[in-house]
Amino acid sequence: MVNDSRLSRRQFLGRGAMAVGAAAAAPYVVSSRVFGASERIGIGGIGVGRQGRGILGVPDSQLVAAADLNLPRARAVAEKAKAKAFQDYRKMLELKEVDAVTVGTPDHWHALCSIHACQAGKDVYVEKPMTLTIREGRKMVEAVRKYGRVLQVGSQQRSMAPNRIGCELVRNGGIGKVQKVIANNYASPWECGFGGQSVPDGLDWDMWCGPTKVVPYHADLYKPRAKPGWISFRPYSGGEMTGWGAHGLDQVQWALGMDEGGPIEVWVEGEKLVPPTQTEPGSRLDKACSVPKVLFRYPGDIVMELGKGPAGGAIFIGEKGTVTIDRNKFQSDPPEIAEKALQGVPRGGDNHKADWVAAIRSRARPVADVEIGHRSATVCHLGNIARYLGRRLRWDPAKEVFVDDAEANTHLDRVRRKPYEIPERV
């Protein structure tokens, strides 16, 4: 069954003003279903493009609805599952049969979709990076806690055994005191100045732009990784600093025991980054946006530099040896440190979505809980902000503000186009 939920511009703005701007005053009614051992969880997919489709394969569940601003795409996904299709995800959230949602939208939509889902009583699996700004992350944490929801961030390396064992080893002193961390030199985003093309039939481009300024449609902007795609552009993403950095720097947070904390200082070596504007599709500008060099200081005087570390993890240099953690693997120098820790540990696969389902049933916190996702994304955002400002910044991870730096604190959030604001009280 396919349900065409089209809204006029007037209807959309009215619903947006009510659901977005007045969310705190009139929240959705929250339900808390208790699932039987054999009962399948009803899933609604928000954003069902390339990555959005990839996260729909949730164990012990049934896809009951799909929402996408590209309505033909939502219909195609829904039809295969005999589910309902929507263009406006908020209409889908009204369905009682939707118990939980996956959020596979572009990054600039993650926060609003997740907060609205929590208000509607739905549990959430949101793709990484969890946020576009630091303030968004704190508001998402507040919404999850207020409405008693389970939110899993798609940092799937948290569910990979070699990653867990490697991070535990570092955290528990397996290489002695950590002296230095070398992570990957992730590129920051740049600006997009592509010319306009005709908007495809069935795509609500105005709503796709959402809280950002409306710009002309272009196929290579609409795709996540094209030439280069929205992941590389500043209005919609933090670039690879948040793209791959949400994996690699998350492992640093985990290994250093910083799931509820973070660095206390960030600085750069070199001139500040003025993001260039790409006017035509073609070569990526990662090299130009990978400078200046970024360094962080963690409690205990541990310095992390962004350099020649692995994309999915980092190199941890300690008093007793060195551990390198990457996706689904870790190794050490001397080798016996990792060999001993990995004895009998299976390789391959992960159960990240199964962990989310188990948490939905038990109401426990999942392995990549919202606070974890927020803290890891914050490290990525700090790296970008330091590049933009080009100077040393002191960070207070408890208050989540820059110390005595009004200019830096203006980067904690972004101005949003109406009616897509995130309210002060969720």
Protein backbone atom coordinates (compact mmCIF):
# COMPACT_ATOMS: atom_id res chain seq x y z
CA MET A 1 0.00 0.00 0.00
CA VAL A 2 1.38 3.39 -1.00
CA ASN A 3 0.06 6.57 0.57
CA ASP A 4 0.83 9.76 -1.40
CA SER A 5 1.07 12.42 1.27
CA ARG A 6 1.50 15.60 -0.75
CA LEU A 7 1.35 18.98 0.99
CA SER A 8 0.84 22.39 -0.51
CA ARG A 9 3.40 25.10 0.30
CA ARG A 10 0.85 26.78 2.61
CA GLN A 11 0.06 23.51 4.41
CA PHE A 12 3.76 22.72 4.80
CA LEU A 13 4.64 26.09 6.31
CA GLY A 14 1.71 25.86 8.68
CA ARG A 15 2.67 22.40 9.85
CA GLY A 16 6.34 23.41 10.04
CA ALA A 17 5.63 26.42 12.23
CA MET A 18 3.55 24.30 14.58
CA ALA A 19 5.77 21.22 14.70
CA VAL A 20 9.13 22.95 14.63
CA GLY A 21 8.74 26.33 16.27
CA ALA A 22 6.19 25.27 18.89
CA ALA A 23 7.50 21.79 19.61
CA ALA A 24 8.10 22.50 23.28
CA ALA A 25 4.65 24.00 23.80
CA ALA A 26 2.75 21.22 22.07
CA PRO A 27 4.82 18.04 21.90
CA TYR A 28 3.56 14.87 20.33
CA VAL A 29 2.00 12.24 22.57
CA VAL A 30 4.71 9.78 23.57
CA SER A 31 3.95 6.09 23.56
CA SER A 32 6.07 3.33 25.10
CA ARG A 33 5.21 -0.04 23.67
CA VAL A 34 6.35 -3.20 25.38
CA PHE A 35 7.32 -5.79 22.79
CA GLY A 36 6.74 -9.49 23.12
CA ALA A 37 9.61 -11.86 22.41
CA SER A 38 8.35 -12.63 18.90
CA GLU A 39 6.78 -9.27 18.04
CA ARG A 40 8.42 -7.41 15.19
CA ILE A 41 9.23 -3.74 15.49
CA GLY A 42 7.59 -1.41 12.98
CA ILE A 43 10.23 0.70 11.22
CA GLY A 44 9.77 3.97 9.37
CA GLY A 45 12.63 5.15 7.18
CA ILE A 46 13.30 8.90 7.03
CA GLY A 47 15.49 9.57 4.03
CA VAL A 48 15.79 6.44 1.90
CA GLY A 49 18.53 7.34 -0.54
CA ARG A 50 21.84 5.48 -0.80
CA GLN A 51 22.78 5.42 2.88
CA GLY A 52 19.18 5.57 4.06
CA ARG A 53 18.34 2.34 2.26
CA GLY A 54 21.48 0.75 3.65
CA ILE A 55 20.35 1.15 7.25
CA LEU A 56 16.84 -0.20 6.70
CA GLY A 57 17.83 -3.84 7.17
CA VAL A 58 16.97 -3.94 10.87
CA PRO A 59 16.69 -7.39 12.56
CA ASP A 60 13.34 -8.48 14.05
CA SER A 61 11.55 -5.62 12.31
CA GLN A 62 9.21 -4.79 9.48
CA LEU A 63 9.40 -1.72 7.27
CA VAL A 64 5.95 -0.14 7.53
CA ALA A 65 6.62 3.31 6.04
CA ALA A 66 9.18 5.28 4.06
CA ALA A 67 9.50 9.06 3.91
CA ASP A 68 11.69 10.94 1.46
CA LEU A 69 11.57 14.43 -0.06
CA ASN A 70 12.06 12.58 -3.34
CA LEU A 71 8.57 11.09 -3.41
CA PRO A 72 9.18 8.64 -6.30
CA ARG A 73 12.09 7.21 -4.30
CA ALA A 74 9.94 6.85 -1.19
CA ARG A 75 7.28 5.09 -3.24
CA ALA A 76 9.77 2.69 -4.81
CA VAL A 77 11.17 1.64 -1.41
CA ALA A 78 7.73 1.39 0.17
CA GLU A 79 6.24 -0.62 -2.67
CA LYS A 80 8.80 -3.41 -2.26
CA ALA A 81 7.83 -3.79 1.40
CA LYS A 82 4.09 -3.16 0.87
CA ALA A 83 4.52 -0.16 3.14
CA LYS A 84 3.24 3.42 3.10
CA ALA A 85 5.08 6.28 1.40
CA PHE A 86 5.31 9.90 2.45
CA GLN A 87 7.09 13.02 1.28
CA ASP A 88 6.82 14.77 4.67
CA TYR A 89 8.33 12.64 7.43
CA ARG A 90 6.25 14.37 10.10
CA LYS A 91 3.09 12.88 8.61
CA MET A 92 4.70 9.45 8.82
CA LEU A 93 5.46 10.01 12.52
CA GLU A 94 1.72 10.15 13.16
CA LEU A 95 1.38 6.44 12.30
CA LYS A 96 0.83 4.21 15.33
CA GLU A 97 2.39 1.25 13.53
CA VAL A 98 5.75 3.09 13.35
CA ASP A 99 7.62 2.14 16.54
CA ALA A 100 11.07 3.38 15.52
CA VAL A 101 12.69 5.29 12.69
CA THR A 102 15.96 5.29 10.82
CA VAL A 103 17.29 8.72 9.85
CA GLY A 104 19.39 8.57 6.69
CA THR A 105 18.95 12.17 5.55
CA PRO A 106 21.73 14.65 4.76
CA ASP A 107 23.48 15.86 7.92
CA HIS A 108 21.66 19.21 8.11
CA TRP A 109 18.39 17.36 8.74
CA HIS A 110 19.55 14.85 11.38
CA ALA A 111 18.69 16.95 14.44
CA LEU A 112 15.15 18.01 13.51
CA CYS A 113 14.13 14.56 12.28
CA SER A 114 15.48 12.91 15.43
CA ILE A 115 13.94 15.43 17.83
CA HIS A 116 10.53 15.18 16.14
CA ALA A 117 10.74 11.38 16.26
CA CYS A 118 11.45 11.47 20.00
CA GLN A 119 8.50 13.80 20.54
CA ALA A 120 6.34 11.36 18.60
CA GLY A 121 7.39 8.49 20.86
CA LYS A 122 9.62 6.76 18.31
CA ASP A 123 13.05 5.29 18.94
CA VAL A 124 15.78 6.44 16.55
CA TYR A 125 18.72 5.10 14.57
CA VAL A 126 20.46 8.15 13.12
CA GLU A 127 23.35 8.02 10.71
CA LYS A 128 26.66 9.51 11.70
CA PRO A 129 27.74 12.23 12.05
CA MET A 130 24.91 12.79 14.49
CA THR A 131 24.90 16.56 14.10
CA LEU A 132 25.82 19.58 12.03
CA THR A 133 26.54 21.76 15.09
CA ILE A 134 27.45 21.32 18.74
CA ARG A 135 24.21 22.88 20.02
CA GLU A 136 22.18 20.44 17.90
CA GLY A 137 23.81 17.55 19.73
CA ARG A 138 22.90 18.80 23.19
CA LYS A 139 19.29 19.38 22.09
CA MET A 140 19.12 15.84 20.73
CA VAL A 141 20.40 14.48 24.04
CA GLU A 142 17.77 16.51 25.88
CA ALA A 143 14.99 15.20 23.63
CA VAL A 144 16.05 11.56 23.97
CA ARG A 145 16.20 11.81 27.76
CA LYS A 146 12.99 13.86 28.13
CA TYR A 147 10.87 11.49 26.08
CA GLY A 148 12.52 8.28 27.23
CA ARG A 149 13.70 7.19 23.80
CA VAL A 150 16.45 4.87 22.60
CA LEU A 151 18.77 6.52 20.07
CA GLN A 152 21.57 4.65 18.37
CA VAL A 153 24.11 6.57 16.28
CA GLY A 154 25.39 4.77 13.20
CA SER A 155 28.98 4.59 14.46
CA GLN A 156 29.03 0.88 13.76
CA GLN A 157 32.64 0.38 14.84
CA ARG A 158 31.28 0.49 18.40
CA SER A 159 29.83 -2.94 17.69
CA MET A 160 32.95 -4.48 16.13
CA ALA A 161 34.83 -6.77 18.51
CA PRO A 162 38.40 -5.81 17.47
CA ASN A 163 37.56 -2.13 17.93
CA ARG A 164 36.00 -2.73 21.33
CA ILE A 165 38.95 -4.82 22.53
CA GLY A 166 41.52 -2.38 21.18
CA CYS A 167 39.83 0.62 22.82
CA GLU A 168 39.42 -1.28 26.10
CA LEU A 169 43.10 -2.21 26.06
CA VAL A 170 44.21 1.40 25.62
CA ARG A 171 41.68 2.69 28.14
CA ASN A 172 42.68 0.13 30.78
CA GLY A 173 46.41 0.84 30.59
CA GLY A 174 47.47 -1.93 28.23
CA ILE A 175 50.17 0.32 26.75
CA GLY A 176 50.75 2.33 29.90
CA LYS A 177 50.05 6.03 30.01
CA VAL A 178 49.06 7.34 26.60
CA GLN A 179 51.58 9.97 25.52
CA LYS A 180 50.32 10.89 22.06
CA VAL A 181 47.53 10.11 19.61
CA ILE A 182 47.83 10.42 15.83
CA ALA A 183 44.53 10.52 13.97
CA ASN A 184 43.73 11.06 10.30
CA ASN A 185 44.03 14.51 8.72
CA TYR A 186 40.37 14.86 7.79
CA ALA A 187 39.43 17.62 5.34
CA SER A 188 37.09 20.42 6.34
CA PRO A 189 34.19 21.36 4.03
CA TRP A 190 34.14 24.10 1.43
CA GLU A 191 31.47 26.23 -0.22
CA CYS A 192 29.31 25.32 -3.21
CA GLY A 193 28.61 27.74 -6.05
CA PHE A 194 27.20 25.35 -8.67
CA GLY A 195 24.82 26.73 -11.26
CA GLY A 196 21.18 25.69 -11.38
CA GLN A 197 19.51 22.76 -13.07
CA SER A 198 15.88 21.69 -13.35
CA VAL A 199 14.50 20.13 -10.19
CA PRO A 200 13.46 16.51 -10.82
CA ASP A 201 9.74 15.75 -10.70
CA GLY A 202 8.63 14.71 -7.25
CA LEU A 203 11.53 16.28 -5.33
CA ASP A 204 10.76 19.01 -2.79
CA TRP A 205 14.02 20.96 -3.17
CA ASP A 206 12.93 23.83 -0.95
CA MET A 207 12.41 21.45 1.96
CA TRP A 208 15.63 19.59 1.12
CA CYS A 209 17.49 22.86 1.75
CA GLY A 210 15.55 23.02 5.03
CA PRO A 211 17.31 25.19 7.61
CA THR A 212 19.92 26.32 5.06
CA LYS A 213 19.61 29.05 2.46
CA VAL A 214 17.71 27.92 -0.63
CA VAL A 215 20.16 27.54 -3.53
CA PRO A 216 19.64 26.31 -7.09
CA TYR A 217 19.28 22.56 -7.49
CA HIS A 218 22.22 20.70 -8.99
CA ALA A 219 22.50 16.93 -9.35
CA ASP A 220 26.08 16.90 -8.05
CA LEU A 221 25.04 18.82 -4.94
CA TYR A 222 22.01 16.59 -4.30
CA LYS A 223 24.08 13.40 -4.24
CA PRO A 224 26.12 12.66 -1.09
CA ARG A 225 29.40 11.89 -2.86
CA ALA A 226 29.38 12.95 -6.48
CA LYS A 227 31.69 15.66 -7.90
CA PRO A 228 31.92 16.17 -5.00
CA GLY A 229 28.40 16.06 -3.41
CA TRP A 230 26.76 17.65 -0.36
CA ILE A 231 29.06 15.84 2.12
CA SER A 232 31.85 18.17 1.04
CA PHE A 233 29.90 21.42 1.31
CA ARG A 234 29.78 23.56 4.43
CA PRO A 235 26.04 24.40 4.59
CA TYR A 236 25.08 20.71 4.77
CA SER A 237 28.03 18.90 6.36
CA GLY A 238 31.28 19.21 8.27
CA GLY A 239 33.15 17.61 5.36
CA GLU A 240 35.28 14.54 5.96
CA MET A 241 36.12 16.00 9.38
CA THR A 242 32.64 14.88 10.42
CA GLY A 243 32.16 12.25 7.69
CA TRP A 244 35.05 9.88 8.40
CA GLY A 245 36.00 11.79 11.54
CA ALA A 246 32.78 10.63 13.18
CA HIS A 247 34.25 7.11 12.96
CA GLY A 248 37.93 7.73 13.67
CA LEU A 249 37.63 10.40 16.37
CA ASP A 250 34.85 8.37 17.99
CA GLN A 251 37.42 5.61 18.53
CA VAL A 252 39.75 8.12 20.17
CA GLN A 253 36.98 9.22 22.52
CA TRP A 254 36.24 5.58 23.38
CA ALA A 255 39.86 4.57 23.91
CA LEU A 256 40.57 7.57 26.14
CA GLY A 257 37.44 7.06 28.25
CA MET A 258 35.90 10.33 27.08
CA ASP A 259 32.37 9.19 26.22
CA GLU A 260 31.00 11.92 28.49
CA GLY A 261 33.88 14.35 28.05
CA GLY A 262 36.34 15.50 25.45
CA PRO A 263 39.40 17.61 24.73
CA ILE A 264 40.08 20.75 26.73
CA GLU A 265 42.07 22.62 24.11
CA VAL A 266 42.30 22.75 20.33
CA TRP A 267 44.67 24.75 18.15
CA VAL A 268 46.21 24.90 14.70
CA GLU A 269 49.64 25.29 13.20
CA GLY A 270 49.45 27.60 10.20
CA GLU A 271 47.16 30.22 8.73
CA LYS A 272 43.41 29.88 9.24
CA LEU A 273 41.31 28.17 6.60
CA VAL A 274 39.15 30.36 4.37
CA PRO A 275 36.96 27.72 2.68
CA PRO A 276 37.14 28.09 -1.11
CA THR A 277 34.04 28.07 -3.32
CA GLN A 278 33.70 25.37 -5.95
CA THR A 279 31.74 26.72 -8.92
CA GLU A 280 31.81 23.70 -11.21
CA PRO A 281 31.65 19.95 -10.54
CA GLY A 282 34.97 18.20 -10.87
CA SER A 283 37.99 17.62 -8.69
CA ARG A 284 37.55 17.58 -4.92
CA LEU A 285 39.21 20.30 -2.84
CA ASP A 286 40.18 18.06 0.09
CA LYS A 287 43.87 18.94 -0.09
CA ALA A 288 43.20 22.67 0.10
CA CYS A 289 40.84 22.13 3.05
CA SER A 290 43.16 19.82 5.02
CA VAL A 291 45.19 22.74 6.38
CA PRO A 292 46.12 24.14 8.79
CA LYS A 293 47.23 21.22 10.95
CA VAL A 294 44.89 20.63 13.92
CA LEU A 295 45.92 19.49 17.42
CA PHE A 296 43.88 18.72 20.54
CA ARG A 297 44.80 18.40 24.19
CA TYR A 298 42.90 15.94 26.39
CA PRO A 299 42.94 15.73 30.20
CA GLY A 300 46.16 14.13 31.42
CA ASP A 301 48.16 16.20 28.94
CA ILE A 302 47.44 13.79 26.07
CA VAL A 303 47.95 15.50 22.71
CA MET A 304 46.21 14.30 19.56
CA GLU A 305 47.31 15.54 16.17
CA LEU A 306 45.51 15.10 12.88
CA GLY A 307 48.10 13.59 10.60
CA LYS A 308 48.90 10.19 9.12
CA GLY A 309 46.53 8.09 11.20
CA PRO A 310 44.04 5.55 9.81
CA ALA A 311 40.68 6.85 8.57
CA GLY A 312 38.65 4.66 10.92
CA GLY A 313 40.66 5.07 14.10
CA ALA A 314 44.01 6.33 15.35
CA ILE A 315 47.51 5.45 16.52
CA PHE A 316 47.95 5.45 20.31
CA ILE A 317 51.52 5.82 21.53
CA GLY A 318 52.05 4.75 25.14
CA GLU A 319 54.84 4.05 27.60
CA LYS A 320 54.76 0.30 26.90
CA GLY A 321 53.97 0.20 23.20
CA THR A 322 51.86 1.48 20.33
CA VAL A 323 48.36 0.40 19.30
CA THR A 324 46.77 1.20 15.94
CA ILE A 325 42.98 0.91 15.76
CA ASP A 326 41.09 0.97 12.47
CA ARG A 327 37.80 -0.43 11.19
CA ASN A 328 37.31 -3.98 12.49
CA LYS A 329 40.98 -4.42 13.38
CA PHE A 330 43.76 -3.33 15.64
CA GLN A 331 47.45 -4.13 15.76
CA SER A 332 50.31 -3.28 18.07
CA ASP A 333 54.02 -2.78 18.41
CA PRO A 334 55.22 -5.05 19.95
CA PRO A 335 52.83 -7.43 18.13
CA GLU A 336 52.16 -9.66 21.14
CA ILE A 337 50.05 -6.98 22.83
CA ALA A 338 47.34 -7.24 20.14
CA GLU A 339 47.88 -10.97 19.53
CA LYS A 340 47.17 -11.80 23.15
CA ALA A 341 44.13 -9.52 23.37
CA LEU A 342 42.62 -10.87 20.13
CA GLN A 343 42.95 -14.60 20.90
CA GLY A 344 39.65 -16.25 20.03
CA VAL A 345 38.00 -13.04 18.84
CA PRO A 346 35.96 -13.49 15.62
CA ARG A 347 36.56 -11.15 12.69
CA GLY A 348 34.04 -9.65 10.31
CA GLY A 349 30.48 -8.47 10.62
CA ASP A 350 28.87 -6.37 13.29
CA ASN A 351 25.59 -6.32 15.18
CA HIS A 352 25.07 -2.58 15.51
CA LYS A 353 21.43 -2.57 14.44
CA ALA A 354 20.79 -5.71 16.49
CA ASP A 355 22.18 -3.84 19.49
CA TRP A 356 19.67 -1.05 18.79
CA VAL A 357 16.79 -3.55 18.61
CA ALA A 358 17.89 -5.17 21.88
CA ALA A 359 17.96 -1.74 23.52
CA ILE A 360 14.48 -0.96 22.18
CA ARG A 361 13.19 -4.11 23.81
CA SER A 362 15.02 -3.69 27.11
CA ARG A 363 14.91 0.15 27.22
CA ALA A 364 18.64 0.12 28.02
CA ARG A 365 21.05 2.50 26.39
CA PRO A 366 22.63 1.22 23.16
CA VAL A 367 26.36 0.93 22.55
CA ALA A 368 26.42 4.22 20.57
CA ASP A 369 24.01 6.19 22.74
CA VAL A 370 23.04 9.78 21.89
CA GLU A 371 25.48 11.26 24.42
CA ILE A 372 28.33 9.29 22.87
CA GLY A 373 27.37 10.41 19.38
CA HIS A 374 27.13 14.02 20.52
CA ARG A 375 30.52 14.00 22.24
CA SER A 376 32.29 12.36 19.30
CA ALA A 377 30.72 14.75 16.78
CA THR A 378 31.74 17.65 19.02
CA VAL A 379 35.42 16.75 18.62
CA CYS A 380 34.94 16.92 14.84
CA HIS A 381 33.21 20.29 15.06
CA LEU A 382 35.99 21.63 17.29
CA GLY A 383 38.53 20.73 14.63
CA ASN A 384 36.62 22.63 11.95
CA ILE A 385 36.07 25.66 14.20
CA ALA A 386 39.78 25.82 15.06
CA ARG A 387 40.63 25.82 11.35
CA TYR A 388 38.15 28.61 10.63
CA LEU A 389 39.48 30.80 13.46
CA GLY A 390 43.14 29.85 13.10
CA ARG A 391 44.13 30.12 16.77
CA ARG A 392 44.29 28.33 20.09
CA LEU A 393 40.93 27.71 21.76
CA ARG A 394 40.17 26.50 25.27
CA TRP A 395 37.15 24.20 25.49
CA ASP A 396 35.04 23.42 28.56
CA PRO A 397 33.53 19.96 27.92
CA ALA A 398 31.25 20.23 30.98
CA LYS A 399 29.65 23.54 30.00
CA GLU A 400 30.19 22.94 26.27
CA VAL A 401 31.47 26.44 25.61
CA PHE A 402 34.76 28.02 24.61
CA VAL A 403 36.41 29.69 27.58
CA ASP A 404 36.50 33.50 27.41
CA ASP A 405 36.02 33.55 23.64
CA ALA A 406 32.80 35.15 22.43
CA GLU A 407 33.72 34.85 18.76
CA ALA A 408 34.40 31.12 19.00
CA ASN A 409 31.09 30.60 20.80
CA THR A 410 29.21 32.02 17.82
CA HIS A 411 30.27 28.82 16.00
CA LEU A 412 28.40 26.53 18.43
CA ASP A 413 25.32 26.76 16.23
CA ARG A 414 24.15 28.19 12.92
CA VAL A 415 21.35 30.53 11.88
CA ARG A 416 18.42 28.51 10.59
CA ARG A 417 15.85 29.44 8.00
CA LYS A 418 12.28 29.58 9.25
CA PRO A 419 10.37 27.41 10.02
CA TYR A 420 13.24 25.00 10.69
CA GLU A 421 14.53 26.38 13.96
CA ILE A 422 15.35 24.13 16.90
CA PRO A 423 13.56 25.53 19.97
CA GLU A 424 15.42 26.30 23.17
CA ARG A 425 13.20 23.80 24.97
CA VAL A 426 12.59 20.54 23.14
